[in-house]
N, C-alpha and C. Protein backbone atom coordinates (compact mmCIF):
# COMPACT_ATOMS: atom_id res chain seq x y z
N MET A 1 -1.77 -14.81 2.26
CA MET A 1 -2.72 -13.78 2.56
C MET A 1 -3.17 -13.16 1.25
N VAL A 2 -4.42 -12.79 1.17
CA VAL A 2 -4.97 -12.07 0.03
C VAL A 2 -5.53 -10.76 0.56
N ALA A 3 -5.20 -9.67 -0.11
CA ALA A 3 -5.71 -8.36 0.29
C ALA A 3 -6.23 -7.64 -0.94
N VAL A 4 -7.38 -7.01 -0.82
CA VAL A 4 -7.97 -6.23 -1.92
C VAL A 4 -8.08 -4.79 -1.44
N HIS A 5 -7.51 -3.89 -2.22
CA HIS A 5 -7.50 -2.47 -1.86
C HIS A 5 -8.01 -1.64 -3.03
N ASP A 6 -8.55 -0.47 -2.72
CA ASP A 6 -9.10 0.39 -3.77
C ASP A 6 -8.01 1.17 -4.51
N SER A 7 -6.79 1.15 -3.98
CA SER A 7 -5.70 1.83 -4.68
C SER A 7 -4.36 1.21 -4.28
N LYS A 8 -3.38 1.40 -5.13
CA LYS A 8 -2.03 0.93 -4.84
C LYS A 8 -1.49 1.63 -3.59
N GLU A 9 -1.81 2.91 -3.46
CA GLU A 9 -1.34 3.69 -2.32
C GLU A 9 -1.90 3.13 -1.00
N SER A 10 -3.15 2.69 -1.02
CA SER A 10 -3.77 2.11 0.17
C SER A 10 -3.02 0.85 0.60
N TRP A 11 -2.70 0.00 -0.36
CA TRP A 11 -1.95 -1.23 -0.07
C TRP A 11 -0.56 -0.90 0.46
N GLU A 12 0.12 0.03 -0.20
CA GLU A 12 1.48 0.38 0.22
C GLU A 12 1.50 0.96 1.64
N ARG A 13 0.48 1.72 1.99
CA ARG A 13 0.39 2.28 3.34
C ARG A 13 0.20 1.17 4.38
N LEU A 14 -0.72 0.23 4.10
CA LEU A 14 -0.95 -0.89 5.02
C LEU A 14 0.31 -1.74 5.14
N ARG A 15 0.94 -2.04 4.02
CA ARG A 15 2.15 -2.87 4.02
C ARG A 15 3.27 -2.19 4.81
N GLY A 16 3.48 -0.91 4.58
CA GLY A 16 4.57 -0.19 5.22
C GLY A 16 4.37 0.14 6.68
N GLU A 17 3.13 0.49 7.04
CA GLU A 17 2.87 0.96 8.40
C GLU A 17 2.41 -0.13 9.36
N THR A 18 1.77 -1.19 8.83
CA THR A 18 1.20 -2.21 9.70
C THR A 18 1.84 -3.58 9.51
N LEU A 19 1.80 -4.08 8.29
CA LEU A 19 2.29 -5.44 8.06
C LEU A 19 3.80 -5.55 8.17
N GLY A 20 4.52 -4.63 7.56
CA GLY A 20 5.98 -4.69 7.57
C GLY A 20 6.57 -4.75 8.97
N PRO A 21 6.23 -3.79 9.84
CA PRO A 21 6.78 -3.84 11.19
C PRO A 21 6.37 -5.10 11.96
N GLY A 22 5.15 -5.56 11.76
CA GLY A 22 4.70 -6.77 12.45
C GLY A 22 5.45 -8.00 11.98
N LEU A 23 5.67 -8.10 10.68
CA LEU A 23 6.41 -9.24 10.14
C LEU A 23 7.86 -9.23 10.59
N GLN A 24 8.45 -8.07 10.69
CA GLN A 24 9.84 -7.98 11.14
C GLN A 24 10.00 -8.51 12.55
N GLU A 25 8.99 -8.36 13.37
CA GLU A 25 9.05 -8.84 14.76
C GLU A 25 8.90 -10.35 14.85
N THR A 26 8.22 -10.98 13.88
CA THR A 26 7.90 -12.40 14.00
C THR A 26 8.71 -13.29 13.08
N GLU A 27 9.25 -12.78 11.99
CA GLU A 27 9.94 -13.61 11.00
C GLU A 27 11.42 -13.75 11.28
N ASP A 28 11.97 -14.84 10.77
CA ASP A 28 13.41 -15.02 10.77
C ASP A 28 13.98 -14.06 9.74
N SER A 29 14.78 -13.11 10.17
CA SER A 29 15.27 -12.06 9.28
C SER A 29 16.14 -12.59 8.15
N SER A 30 16.67 -13.81 8.27
CA SER A 30 17.50 -14.36 7.20
C SER A 30 16.68 -14.77 5.98
N GLU A 31 15.37 -14.92 6.15
CA GLU A 31 14.51 -15.32 5.03
C GLU A 31 14.15 -14.15 4.13
N GLY A 32 14.24 -12.94 4.61
CA GLY A 32 13.86 -11.77 3.82
C GLY A 32 12.36 -11.58 3.81
N PRO A 33 11.89 -10.55 3.08
CA PRO A 33 10.45 -10.28 3.05
C PRO A 33 9.71 -11.35 2.25
N PRO A 34 8.41 -11.51 2.53
CA PRO A 34 7.63 -12.50 1.77
C PRO A 34 7.48 -12.08 0.32
N GLU A 35 7.25 -13.05 -0.54
CA GLU A 35 7.03 -12.78 -1.96
C GLU A 35 5.70 -12.07 -2.13
N GLU A 36 5.65 -11.09 -3.00
CA GLU A 36 4.43 -10.32 -3.22
C GLU A 36 4.04 -10.41 -4.70
N THR A 37 2.77 -10.68 -4.95
CA THR A 37 2.23 -10.72 -6.31
C THR A 37 1.07 -9.74 -6.38
N THR A 38 1.07 -8.89 -7.40
CA THR A 38 0.02 -7.89 -7.56
C THR A 38 -0.77 -8.19 -8.83
N ILE A 39 -2.08 -8.14 -8.72
CA ILE A 39 -2.97 -8.32 -9.86
C ILE A 39 -3.93 -7.15 -9.88
N GLU A 40 -3.94 -6.41 -10.97
CA GLU A 40 -4.88 -5.28 -11.09
C GLU A 40 -6.20 -5.79 -11.62
N VAL A 41 -7.29 -5.27 -11.06
CA VAL A 41 -8.64 -5.68 -11.44
C VAL A 41 -9.40 -4.44 -11.86
N ASP A 42 -10.03 -4.49 -13.03
CA ASP A 42 -10.88 -3.40 -13.50
C ASP A 42 -12.33 -3.80 -13.31
N VAL A 43 -13.13 -2.90 -12.79
CA VAL A 43 -14.55 -3.14 -12.59
C VAL A 43 -15.32 -2.36 -13.65
N PHE A 44 -16.12 -3.07 -14.44
CA PHE A 44 -16.83 -2.44 -15.55
C PHE A 44 -18.28 -2.09 -15.22
N GLY A 45 -18.83 -2.72 -14.22
CA GLY A 45 -20.22 -2.45 -13.88
C GLY A 45 -20.48 -2.81 -12.44
N HIS A 46 -21.60 -2.35 -11.94
CA HIS A 46 -21.99 -2.65 -10.56
C HIS A 46 -23.32 -3.37 -10.56
N ALA A 47 -23.48 -4.25 -9.61
CA ALA A 47 -24.72 -5.02 -9.51
C ALA A 47 -25.83 -4.18 -8.91
């Protein structure tokens, strides 16, 4: 999955309140949480 958010806080809220509980219901708990990679993007101009 790829997700783009305007702030780290926005991502953490979605992950904690929506994705986390949903994944806990569907995943094998012995596997642990999915691997997460974060890439920060700076926008220098607008079209």
